[in-house]
Amino acid sequence: MRQMGARCYYVYIVASKIGGTLYIGVTNDLIRRVAEHKLQLVESFTREYGVVKLVYFEQFDDPENAIKREKRLKKWNRAWKARLIEQHNPNWDDLYPGIAGPS
């Protein structure tokens, strides 16, 4: 996922469940950021709605493109977002275990 010495940026979607509440964010550390959602330590939208499953992400080489993509996705209607997720993750599986590695 990450290349040695290269800085990566991610746009990600977390969900409460299949077809549930969605949250779209951008980060330079996907593993840490999703772990923060999962731990629900901070009072936030994701904590209030139980939005903790990583269901989609994209990787970028620069922050500007990642932020542009995040803003674009946030403007999409719900059906488009669901279709994007389902094209890559039809069962809305939690992708976090696959990127976090062994605990």
PDB file of N, CA and C in Angstrom:
ATOM      1  N   MET A   1       0.828  -1.194   0.000  1.00  0.00           N
ATOM      2  CA  MET A   1       0.000   0.000   0.000  1.00  0.00           C
ATOM      3  C   MET A   1       0.866   1.248   0.000  1.00  0.00           C
ATOM      4  N   ARG A   2       1.826   1.353   0.893  1.00  0.00           N
ATOM      5  CA  ARG A   2       2.683   2.533   0.980  1.00  0.00           C
ATOM      6  C   ARG A   2       4.079   2.169   0.505  1.00  0.00           C
ATOM      7  N   GLN A   3       4.669   3.038  -0.321  1.00  0.00           N
ATOM      8  CA  GLN A   3       6.018   2.797  -0.788  1.00  0.00           C
ATOM      9  C   GLN A   3       7.006   3.472   0.157  1.00  0.00           C
ATOM     10  N   MET A   4       8.138   2.845   0.350  1.00  0.00           N
ATOM     11  CA  MET A   4       9.144   3.376   1.263  1.00  0.00           C
ATOM     12  C   MET A   4       9.567   4.777   0.821  1.00  0.00           C
ATOM     13  N   GLY A   5       9.497   5.729   1.723  1.00  0.00           N
ATOM     14  CA  GLY A   5       9.934   7.086   1.445  1.00  0.00           C
ATOM     15  C   GLY A   5       8.927   7.946   0.698  1.00  0.00           C
ATOM     16  N   ALA A   6       7.896   7.346   0.154  1.00  0.00           N
ATOM     17  CA  ALA A   6       6.899   8.108  -0.597  1.00  0.00           C
ATOM     18  C   ALA A   6       5.775   8.534   0.340  1.00  0.00           C
ATOM     19  N   ARG A   7       5.321   9.740   0.177  1.00  0.00           N
ATOM     20  CA  ARG A   7       4.201  10.258   0.969  1.00  0.00           C
ATOM     21  C   ARG A   7       2.925   9.935   0.207  1.00  0.00           C
ATOM     22  N   CYS A   8       1.960   9.316   0.878  1.00  0.00           N
ATOM     23  CA  CYS A   8       0.689   8.950   0.251  1.00  0.00           C
ATOM     24  C   CYS A   8      -0.453   9.636   0.986  1.00  0.00           C
ATOM     25  N   TYR A   9      -1.503   9.879   0.252  1.00  0.00           N
ATOM     26  CA  TYR A   9      -2.706  10.503   0.791  1.00  0.00           C
ATOM     27  C   TYR A   9      -3.881   9.638   0.361  1.00  0.00           C
ATOM     28  N   TYR A  10      -4.876   9.581   1.211  1.00  0.00           N
ATOM     29  CA  TYR A  10      -6.004   8.683   0.962  1.00  0.00           C
ATOM     30  C   TYR A  10      -7.322   9.402   1.127  1.00  0.00           C
ATOM     31  N   VAL A  11      -8.240   9.098   0.224  1.00  0.00           N
ATOM     32  CA  VAL A  11      -9.643   9.451   0.394  1.00  0.00           C
ATOM     33  C   VAL A  11     -10.311   8.144   0.775  1.00  0.00           C
ATOM     34  N   TYR A  12     -11.132   8.191   1.802  1.00  0.00           N
ATOM     35  CA  TYR A  12     -11.719   6.947   2.287  1.00  0.00           C
ATOM     36  C   TYR A  12     -13.192   7.157   2.628  1.00  0.00           C
ATOM     37  N   ILE A  13     -13.912   6.039   2.621  1.00  0.00           N
ATOM     38  CA  ILE A  13     -15.318   6.036   3.030  1.00  0.00           C
ATOM     39  C   ILE A  13     -15.467   4.993   4.130  1.00  0.00           C
ATOM     40  N   VAL A  14     -16.016   5.417   5.257  1.00  0.00           N
ATOM     41  CA  VAL A  14     -16.384   4.496   6.324  1.00  0.00           C
ATOM     42  C   VAL A  14     -17.909   4.478   6.413  1.00  0.00           C
ATOM     43  N   ALA A  15     -18.436   3.332   6.815  1.00  0.00           N
ATOM     44  CA  ALA A  15     -19.889   3.150   6.868  1.00  0.00           C
ATOM     45  C   ALA A  15     -20.278   2.481   8.177  1.00  0.00           C
ATOM     46  N   SER A  16     -21.535   2.666   8.551  1.00  0.00           N
ATOM     47  CA  SER A  16     -22.041   2.007   9.756  1.00  0.00           C
ATOM     48  C   SER A  16     -22.419   0.553   9.463  1.00  0.00           C
ATOM     49  N   LYS A  17     -22.896   0.297   8.235  1.00  0.00           N
ATOM     50  CA  LYS A  17     -23.315  -1.045   7.796  1.00  0.00           C
ATOM     51  C   LYS A  17     -23.617  -0.959   6.315  1.00  0.00           C
ATOM     52  N   ILE A  18     -23.998  -2.059   5.697  1.00  0.00           N
ATOM     53  CA  ILE A  18     -24.383  -2.037   4.284  1.00  0.00           C
ATOM     54  C   ILE A  18     -25.554  -1.072   4.124  1.00  0.00           C
ATOM     55  N   GLY A  19     -25.391  -0.113   3.248  1.00  0.00           N
ATOM     56  CA  GLY A  19     -26.451   0.859   2.999  1.00  0.00           C
ATOM     57  C   GLY A  19     -26.671   1.845   4.127  1.00  0.00           C
ATOM     58  N   GLY A  20     -25.787   1.830   5.120  1.00  0.00           N
ATOM     59  CA  GLY A  20     -25.951   2.702   6.286  1.00  0.00           C
ATOM     60  C   GLY A  20     -25.348   4.082   6.095  1.00  0.00           C
ATOM     61  N   THR A  21     -25.124   4.740   7.210  1.00  0.00           N
ATOM     62  CA  THR A  21     -24.556   6.080   7.222  1.00  0.00           C
ATOM     63  C   THR A  21     -23.123   6.036   6.697  1.00  0.00           C
ATOM     64  N   LEU A  22     -22.767   7.030   5.877  1.00  0.00           N
ATOM     65  CA  LEU A  22     -21.435   7.114   5.290  1.00  0.00           C
ATOM     66  C   LEU A  22     -20.700   8.350   5.775  1.00  0.00           C
ATOM     67  N   TYR A  23     -19.397   8.230   5.867  1.00  0.00           N
ATOM     68  CA  TYR A  23     -18.533   9.377   6.145  1.00  0.00           C
ATOM     69  C   TYR A  23     -17.373   9.311   5.163  1.00  0.00           C
ATOM     70  N   ILE A  24     -17.067  10.433   4.521  1.00  0.00           N
ATOM     71  CA  ILE A  24     -15.962  10.518   3.575  1.00  0.00           C
ATOM     72  C   ILE A  24     -14.907  11.432   4.174  1.00  0.00           C
ATOM     73  N   GLY A  25     -13.658  10.970   4.159  1.00  0.00           N
ATOM     74  CA  GLY A  25     -12.575  11.770   4.708  1.00  0.00           C
ATOM     75  C   GLY A  25     -11.320  11.654   3.877  1.00  0.00           C
ATOM     76  N   VAL A  26     -10.313  12.430   4.270  1.00  0.00           N
ATOM     77  CA  VAL A  26      -9.002  12.400   3.626  1.00  0.00           C
ATOM     78  C   VAL A  26      -7.944  12.363   4.725  1.00  0.00           C
ATOM     79  N   THR A  27      -6.866  11.627   4.487  1.00  0.00           N
ATOM     80  CA  THR A  27      -5.811  11.479   5.491  1.00  0.00           C
ATOM     81  C   THR A  27      -4.497  11.123   4.823  1.00  0.00           C
ATOM     82  N   ASN A  28      -3.411  11.313   5.545  1.00  0.00           N
ATOM     83  CA  ASN A  28      -2.108  10.843   5.057  1.00  0.00           C
ATOM     84  C   ASN A  28      -1.685   9.567   5.788  1.00  0.00           C
ATOM     85  N   ASP A  29      -2.533   9.072   6.678  1.00  0.00           N
ATOM     86  CA  ASP A  29      -2.248   7.829   7.410  1.00  0.00           C
ATOM     87  C   ASP A  29      -3.563   7.066   7.582  1.00  0.00           C
ATOM     88  N   LEU A  30      -3.873   6.255   6.596  1.00  0.00           N
ATOM     89  CA  LEU A  30      -5.172   5.575   6.559  1.00  0.00           C
ATOM     90  C   LEU A  30      -5.359   4.624   7.739  1.00  0.00           C
ATOM     91  N   ILE A  31      -4.335   3.872   8.080  1.00  0.00           N
ATOM     92  CA  ILE A  31      -4.461   2.912   9.179  1.00  0.00           C
ATOM     93  C   ILE A  31      -4.772   3.630  10.487  1.00  0.00           C
ATOM     94  N   ARG A  32      -4.005   4.670  10.786  1.00  0.00           N
ATOM     95  CA  ARG A  32      -4.228   5.432  12.024  1.00  0.00           C
ATOM     96  C   ARG A  32      -5.615   6.065  12.035  1.00  0.00           C
ATOM     97  N   ARG A  33      -6.003   6.667  10.922  1.00  0.00           N
ATOM     98  CA  ARG A  33      -7.275   7.393  10.879  1.00  0.00           C
ATOM     99  C   ARG A  33      -8.460   6.453  11.049  1.00  0.00           C
ATOM    100  N   VAL A  34      -8.444   5.314  10.396  1.00  0.00           N
ATOM    101  CA  VAL A  34      -9.555   4.363  10.535  1.00  0.00           C
ATOM    102  C   VAL A  34      -9.569   3.793  11.950  1.00  0.00           C
ATOM    103  N   ALA A  35      -8.401   3.558  12.520  1.00  0.00           N
ATOM    104  CA  ALA A  35      -8.340   3.084  13.916  1.00  0.00           C
ATOM    105  C   ALA A  35      -9.000   4.103  14.836  1.00  0.00           C
ATOM    106  N   GLU A  36      -8.785   5.395  14.579  1.00  0.00           N
ATOM    107  CA  GLU A  36      -9.429   6.440  15.381  1.00  0.00           C
ATOM    108  C   GLU A  36     -10.951   6.357  15.273  1.00  0.00           C
ATOM    109  N   HIS A  37     -11.448   6.122  14.058  1.00  0.00           N
ATOM    110  CA  HIS A  37     -12.899   5.952  13.887  1.00  0.00           C
ATOM    111  C   HIS A  37     -13.378   4.740  14.685  1.00  0.00           C
ATOM    112  N   LYS A  38     -12.651   3.634  14.582  1.00  0.00           N
ATOM    113  CA  LYS A  38     -13.063   2.399  15.248  1.00  0.00           C
ATOM    114  C   LYS A  38     -13.068   2.533  16.774  1.00  0.00           C
ATOM    115  N   LEU A  39     -12.090   3.237  17.321  1.00  0.00           N
ATOM    116  CA  LEU A  39     -12.003   3.400  18.772  1.00  0.00           C
ATOM    117  C   LEU A  39     -13.038   4.383  19.316  1.00  0.00           C
ATOM    118  N   GLN A  40     -13.570   5.235  18.465  1.00  0.00           N
ATOM    119  CA  GLN A  40     -14.630   6.195  18.821  1.00  0.00           C
ATOM    120  C   GLN A  40     -14.291   6.985  20.083  1.00  0.00           C
ATOM    121  N   LEU A  41     -13.055   7.426  20.181  1.00  0.00           N
ATOM    122  CA  LEU A  41     -12.612   8.148  21.366  1.00  0.00           C
ATOM    123  C   LEU A  41     -13.012   9.621  21.367  1.00  0.00           C
ATOM    124  N   VAL A  42     -13.270  10.172  20.183  1.00  0.00           N
ATOM    125  CA  VAL A  42     -13.581  11.589  20.064  1.00  0.00           C
ATOM    126  C   VAL A  42     -15.071  11.757  19.753  1.00  0.00           C
ATOM    127  N   GLU A  43     -15.707  12.710  20.429  1.00  0.00           N
ATOM    128  CA  GLU A  43     -17.104  13.022  20.106  1.00  0.00           C
ATOM    129  C   GLU A  43     -17.143  13.520  18.663  1.00  0.00           C
ATOM    130  N   SER A  44     -17.879  12.839  17.819  1.00  0.00           N
ATOM    131  CA  SER A  44     -17.904  13.213  16.414  1.00  0.00           C
ATOM    132  C   SER A  44     -19.107  12.578  15.727  1.00  0.00           C
ATOM    133  N   PHE A  45     -19.281  12.981  14.478  1.00  0.00           N
ATOM    134  CA  PHE A  45     -20.327  12.411  13.632  1.00  0.00           C
ATOM    135  C   PHE A  45     -20.176  10.893  13.552  1.00  0.00           C
ATOM    136  N   THR A  46     -18.953  10.428  13.322  1.00  0.00           N
ATOM    137  CA  THR A  46     -18.752   8.988  13.151  1.00  0.00           C
ATOM    138  C   THR A  46     -19.041   8.226  14.439  1.00  0.00           C
ATOM    139  N   ARG A  47     -18.744   8.814  15.578  1.00  0.00           N
ATOM    140  CA  ARG A  47     -19.056   8.160  16.860  1.00  0.00           C
ATOM    141  C   ARG A  47     -20.569   8.124  17.077  1.00  0.00           C
ATOM    142  N   GLU A  48     -21.222   9.231  16.815  1.00  0.00           N
ATOM    143  CA  GLU A  48     -22.674   9.319  17.025  1.00  0.00           C
ATOM    144  C   GLU A  48     -23.436   8.294  16.193  1.00  0.00           C
ATOM    145  N   TYR A  49     -22.960   8.045  14.962  1.00  0.00           N
ATOM    146  CA  TYR A  49     -23.684   7.154  14.057  1.00  0.00           C
ATOM    147  C   TYR A  49     -23.019   5.783  13.889  1.00  0.00           C
ATOM    148  N   GLY A  50     -21.981   5.492  14.645  1.00  0.00           N
ATOM    149  CA  GLY A  50     -21.336   4.184  14.573  1.00  0.00           C
ATOM    150  C   GLY A  50     -20.707   3.886  13.227  1.00  0.00           C
ATOM    151  N   VAL A  51     -20.119   4.896  12.620  1.00  0.00           N
ATOM    152  CA  VAL A  51     -19.534   4.766  11.288  1.00  0.00           C
ATOM    153  C   VAL A  51     -18.078   4.324  11.449  1.00  0.00           C
ATOM    154  N   VAL A  52     -17.851   3.003  11.413  1.00  0.00           N
ATOM    155  CA  VAL A  52     -16.528   2.461  11.749  1.00  0.00           C
ATOM    156  C   VAL A  52     -15.970   1.446  10.743  1.00  0.00           C
ATOM    157  N   LYS A  53     -16.718   1.081   9.714  1.00  0.00           N
ATOM    158  CA  LYS A  53     -16.247   0.092   8.741  1.00  0.00           C
ATOM    159  C   LYS A  53     -15.626   0.793   7.536  1.00  0.00           C
ATOM    160  N   LEU A  54     -14.346   0.515   7.273  1.00  0.00           N
ATOM    161  CA  LEU A  54     -13.710   1.042   6.075  1.00  0.00           C
ATOM    162  C   LEU A  54     -14.217   0.245   4.882  1.00  0.00           C
ATOM    163  N   VAL A  55     -14.987   0.893   4.003  1.00  0.00           N
ATOM    164  CA  VAL A  55     -15.579   0.173   2.877  1.00  0.00           C
ATOM    165  C   VAL A  55     -14.984   0.564   1.530  1.00  0.00           C
ATOM    166  N   TYR A  56     -14.190   1.660   1.499  1.00  0.00           N
ATOM    167  CA  TYR A  56     -13.621   2.113   0.227  1.00  0.00           C
ATOM    168  C   TYR A  56     -12.488   3.081   0.505  1.00  0.00           C
ATOM    169  N   PHE A  57     -11.450   3.041  -0.329  1.00  0.00           N
ATOM    170  CA  PHE A  57     -10.412   4.069  -0.268  1.00  0.00           C
ATOM    171  C   PHE A  57      -9.692   4.175  -1.601  1.00  0.00           C
ATOM    172  N   GLU A  58      -9.104   5.332  -1.830  1.00  0.00           N
ATOM    173  CA  GLU A  58      -8.280   5.613  -3.000  1.00  0.00           C
ATOM    174  C   GLU A  58      -6.979   6.225  -2.504  1.00  0.00           C
ATOM    175  N   GLN A  59      -5.885   5.950  -3.202  1.00  0.00           N
ATOM    176  CA  GLN A  59      -4.571   6.472  -2.827  1.00  0.00           C
ATOM    177  C   GLN A  59      -4.134   7.543  -3.829  1.00  0.00           C
ATOM    178  N   PHE A  60      -3.495   8.600  -3.323  1.00  0.00           N
ATOM    179  CA  PHE A  60      -3.008   9.705  -4.136  1.00  0.00           C
ATOM    180  C   PHE A  60      -1.572  10.036  -3.753  1.00  0.00           C
ATOM    181  N   ASP A  61      -0.835  10.610  -4.701  1.00  0.00           N
ATOM    182  CA  ASP A  61       0.550  11.000  -4.448  1.00  0.00           C
ATOM    183  C   ASP A  61       0.676  12.401  -3.862  1.00  0.00           C
ATOM    184  N   ASP A  62      -0.367  13.211  -4.009  1.00  0.00           N
ATOM    185  CA  ASP A  62      -0.280  14.580  -3.496  1.00  0.00           C
ATOM    186  C   ASP A  62      -1.579  14.981  -2.798  1.00  0.00           C
ATOM    187  N   PRO A  63      -1.470  15.853  -1.803  1.00  0.00           N
ATOM    188  CA  PRO A  63      -2.648  16.214  -1.016  1.00  0.00           C
ATOM    189  C   PRO A  63      -3.700  16.988  -1.799  1.00  0.00           C
ATOM    190  N   GLU A  64      -3.283  17.792  -2.754  1.00  0.00           N
ATOM    191  CA  GLU A  64      -4.251  18.599  -3.503  1.00  0.00           C
ATOM    192  C   GLU A  64      -5.261  17.729  -4.249  1.00  0.00           C
ATOM    193  N   ASN A  65      -4.759  16.695  -4.933  1.00  0.00           N
ATOM    194  CA  ASN A  65      -5.667  15.800  -5.667  1.00  0.00           C
ATOM    195  C   ASN A  65      -6.551  14.998  -4.723  1.00  0.00           C
ATOM    196  N   ALA A  66      -6.009  14.601  -3.591  1.00  0.00           N
ATOM    197  CA  ALA A  66      -6.814  13.862  -2.611  1.00  0.00           C
ATOM    198  C   ALA A  66      -7.948  14.747  -2.090  1.00  0.00           C
ATOM    199  N   ILE A  67      -7.637  15.979  -1.762  1.00  0.00           N
ATOM    200  CA  ILE A  67      -8.660  16.904  -1.242  1.00  0.00           C
ATOM    201  C   ILE A  67      -9.707  17.212  -2.306  1.00  0.00           C
ATOM    202  N   LYS A  68      -9.288  17.392  -3.549  1.00  0.00           N
ATOM    203  CA  LYS A  68     -10.247  17.630  -4.641  1.00  0.00           C
ATOM    204  C   LYS A  68     -11.198  16.445  -4.780  1.00  0.00           C
ATOM    205  N   ARG A  69     -10.646  15.240  -4.723  1.00  0.00           N
ATOM    206  CA  ARG A  69     -11.475  14.033  -4.856  1.00  0.00           C
ATOM    207  C   ARG A  69     -12.451  13.912  -3.687  1.00  0.00           C
ATOM    208  N   GLU A  70     -11.973  14.181  -2.478  1.00  0.00           N
ATOM    209  CA  GLU A  70     -12.846  14.123  -1.306  1.00  0.00           C
ATOM    210  C   GLU A  70     -14.022  15.088  -1.476  1.00  0.00           C
ATOM    211  N   LYS A  71     -13.741  16.315  -1.875  1.00  0.00           N
ATOM    212  CA  LYS A  71     -14.803  17.320  -2.050  1.00  0.00           C
ATOM    213  C   LYS A  71     -15.792  16.897  -3.127  1.00  0.00           C
ATOM    214  N   ARG A  72     -15.268  16.304  -4.218  1.00  0.00           N
ATOM    215  CA  ARG A  72     -16.150  15.827  -5.289  1.00  0.00           C
ATOM    216  C   ARG A  72     -17.066  14.716  -4.788  1.00  0.00           C
ATOM    217  N   LEU A  73     -16.492  13.734  -4.087  1.00  0.00           N
ATOM    218  CA  LEU A  73     -17.295  12.617  -3.584  1.00  0.00           C
ATOM    219  C   LEU A  73     -18.363  13.084  -2.598  1.00  0.00           C
ATOM    220  N   LYS A  74     -18.028  14.058  -1.777  1.00  0.00           N
ATOM    221  CA  LYS A  74     -19.003  14.557  -0.807  1.00  0.00           C
ATOM    222  C   LYS A  74     -20.212  15.196  -1.489  1.00  0.00           C
ATOM    223  N   LYS A  75     -20.039  15.669  -2.707  1.00  0.00           N
ATOM    224  CA  LYS A  75     -21.146  16.281  -3.449  1.00  0.00           C
ATOM    225  C   LYS A  75     -21.997  15.249  -4.183  1.00  0.00           C
ATOM    226  N   TRP A  76     -21.498  14.032  -4.319  1.00  0.00           N
ATOM    227  CA  TRP A  76     -22.251  12.985  -5.010  1.00  0.00           C
ATOM    228  C   TRP A  76     -23.505  12.618  -4.222  1.00  0.00           C
ATOM    229  N   ASN A  77     -24.523  12.175  -4.958  1.00  0.00           N
ATOM    230  CA  ASN A  77     -25.710  11.682  -4.256  1.00  0.00           C
ATOM    231  C   ASN A  77     -25.419  10.288  -3.690  1.00  0.00           C
ATOM    232  N   ARG A  78     -26.274   9.876  -2.784  1.00  0.00           N
ATOM    233  CA  ARG A  78     -26.061   8.621  -2.059  1.00  0.00           C
ATOM    234  C   ARG A  78     -25.969   7.406  -2.985  1.00  0.00           C
ATOM    235  N   ALA A  79     -26.786   7.352  -4.014  1.00  0.00           N
ATOM    236  CA  ALA A  79     -26.784   6.217  -4.941  1.00  0.00           C
ATOM    237  C   ALA A  79     -25.442   6.100  -5.661  1.00  0.00           C
ATOM    238  N   TRP A  80     -24.851   7.211  -6.054  1.00  0.00           N
ATOM    239  CA  TRP A  80     -23.553   7.179  -6.728  1.00  0.00           C
ATOM    240  C   TRP A  80     -22.473   6.672  -5.776  1.00  0.00           C
ATOM    241  N   LYS A  81     -22.519   7.120  -4.528  1.00  0.00           N
ATOM    242  CA  LYS A  81     -21.535   6.674  -3.530  1.00  0.00           C
ATOM    243  C   LYS A  81     -21.670   5.170  -3.295  1.00  0.00           C
ATOM    244  N   ALA A  82     -22.894   4.696  -3.155  1.00  0.00           N
ATOM    245  CA  ALA A  82     -23.129   3.264  -2.938  1.00  0.00           C
ATOM    246  C   ALA A  82     -22.637   2.455  -4.140  1.00  0.00           C
ATOM    247  N   ARG A  83     -22.882   2.947  -5.337  1.00  0.00           N
ATOM    248  CA  ARG A  83     -22.435   2.248  -6.541  1.00  0.00           C
ATOM    249  C   ARG A  83     -20.902   2.190  -6.597  1.00  0.00           C
ATOM    250  N   LEU A  84     -20.237   3.279  -6.225  1.00  0.00           N
ATOM    251  CA  LEU A  84     -18.779   3.299  -6.196  1.00  0.00           C
ATOM    252  C   LEU A  84     -18.253   2.244  -5.218  1.00  0.00           C
ATOM    253  N   ILE A  85     -18.816   2.206  -4.039  1.00  0.00           N
ATOM    254  CA  ILE A  85     -18.399   1.213  -3.040  1.00  0.00           C
ATOM    255  C   ILE A  85     -18.625  -0.191  -3.584  1.00  0.00           C
ATOM    256  N   GLU A  86     -19.810  -0.442  -4.116  1.00  0.00           N
ATOM    257  CA  GLU A  86     -20.177  -1.791  -4.558  1.00  0.00           C
ATOM    258  C   GLU A  86     -19.387  -2.263  -5.773  1.00  0.00           C
ATOM    259  N   GLN A  87     -18.868  -1.338  -6.595  1.00  0.00           N
ATOM    260  CA  GLN A  87     -18.014  -1.730  -7.724  1.00  0.00           C
ATOM    261  C   GLN A  87     -16.715  -2.368  -7.223  1.00  0.00           C
ATOM    262  N   HIS A  88     -16.223  -1.913  -6.088  1.00  0.00           N
ATOM    263  CA  HIS A  88     -14.947  -2.384  -5.549  1.00  0.00           C
ATOM    264  C   HIS A  88     -15.109  -3.314  -4.351  1.00  0.00           C
ATOM    265  N   ASN A  89     -16.248  -3.228  -3.676  1.00  0.00           N
ATOM    266  CA  ASN A  89     -16.464  -3.965  -2.430  1.00  0.00           C
ATOM    267  C   ASN A  89     -17.954  -4.317  -2.334  1.00  0.00           C
ATOM    268  N   PRO A  90     -18.415  -5.273  -3.158  1.00  0.00           N
ATOM    269  CA  PRO A  90     -19.849  -5.560  -3.274  1.00  0.00           C
ATOM    270  C   PRO A  90     -20.549  -5.919  -1.968  1.00  0.00           C
ATOM    271  N   ASN A  91     -19.834  -6.523  -1.033  1.00  0.00           N
ATOM    272  CA  ASN A  91     -20.453  -6.926   0.230  1.00  0.00           C
ATOM    273  C   ASN A  91     -20.244  -5.915   1.352  1.00  0.00           C
ATOM    274  N   TRP A  92     -19.658  -4.778   1.024  1.00  0.00           N
ATOM    275  CA  TRP A  92     -19.373  -3.738   2.015  1.00  0.00           C
ATOM    276  C   TRP A  92     -18.553  -4.319   3.163  1.00  0.00           C
ATOM    277  N   ASP A  93     -17.591  -5.191   2.837  1.00  0.00           N
ATOM    278  CA  ASP A  93     -16.733  -5.774   3.860  1.00  0.00           C
ATOM    279  C   ASP A  93     -15.861  -4.681   4.484  1.00  0.00           C
ATOM    280  N   ASP A  94     -15.458  -4.896   5.708  1.00  0.00           N
ATOM    281  CA  ASP A  94     -14.540  -3.980   6.377  1.00  0.00           C
ATOM    282  C   ASP A  94     -13.141  -4.249   5.824  1.00  0.00           C
ATOM    283  N   LEU A  95     -12.559  -3.274   5.141  1.00  0.00           N
ATOM    284  CA  LEU A  95     -11.251  -3.429   4.518  1.00  0.00           C
ATOM    285  C   LEU A  95     -10.094  -3.198   5.495  1.00  0.00           C
ATOM    286  N   TYR A  96     -10.405  -2.713   6.673  1.00  0.00           N
ATOM    287  CA  TYR A  96      -9.362  -2.370   7.637  1.00  0.00           C
ATOM    288  C   TYR A  96      -8.439  -3.538   7.986  1.00  0.00           C
ATOM    289  N   PRO A  97      -8.952  -4.736   8.278  1.00  0.00           N
ATOM    290  CA  PRO A  97      -8.042  -5.833   8.620  1.00  0.00           C
ATOM    291  C   PRO A  97      -7.026  -6.126   7.511  1.00  0.00           C
ATOM    292  N   GLY A  98      -7.408  -5.925   6.275  1.00  0.00           N
ATOM    293  CA  GLY A  98      -6.512  -6.189   5.148  1.00  0.00           C
ATOM    294  C   GLY A  98      -5.398  -5.165   4.999  1.00  0.00           C
ATOM    295  N   ILE A  99      -5.600  -3.957   5.497  1.00  0.00           N
ATOM    296  CA  ILE A  99      -4.549  -2.932   5.392  1.00  0.00           C
ATOM    297  C   ILE A  99      -3.763  -2.786   6.677  1.00  0.00           C
ATOM    298  N   ALA A 100      -4.356  -3.166   7.805  1.00  0.00           N
ATOM    299  CA  ALA A 100      -3.699  -2.971   9.100  1.00  0.00           C
ATOM    300  C   ALA A 100      -2.686  -4.069   9.400  1.00  0.00           C
ATOM    301  N   GLY A 101      -2.831  -5.212   8.763  1.00  0.00           N
ATOM    302  CA  GLY A 101      -1.911  -6.310   9.008  1.00  0.00           C
ATOM    303  C   GLY A 101      -2.213  -6.990  10.340  1.00  0.00           C
ATOM    304  N   PRO A 102      -1.364  -7.920  10.719  1.00  0.00           N
ATOM    305  CA  PRO A 102      -1.595  -8.654  11.967  1.00  0.00           C
ATOM    306  C   PRO A 102      -1.498  -7.727  13.169  1.00  0.00           C
ATOM    307  N   SER A 103      -2.359  -7.976  14.144  1.00  0.00           N
ATOM    308  CA  SER A 103      -2.340  -7.113  15.335  1.00  0.00           C
ATOM    309  C   SER A 103      -1.442  -7.632  16.424  1.00  0.00           C
TER     310      SER A 103
END
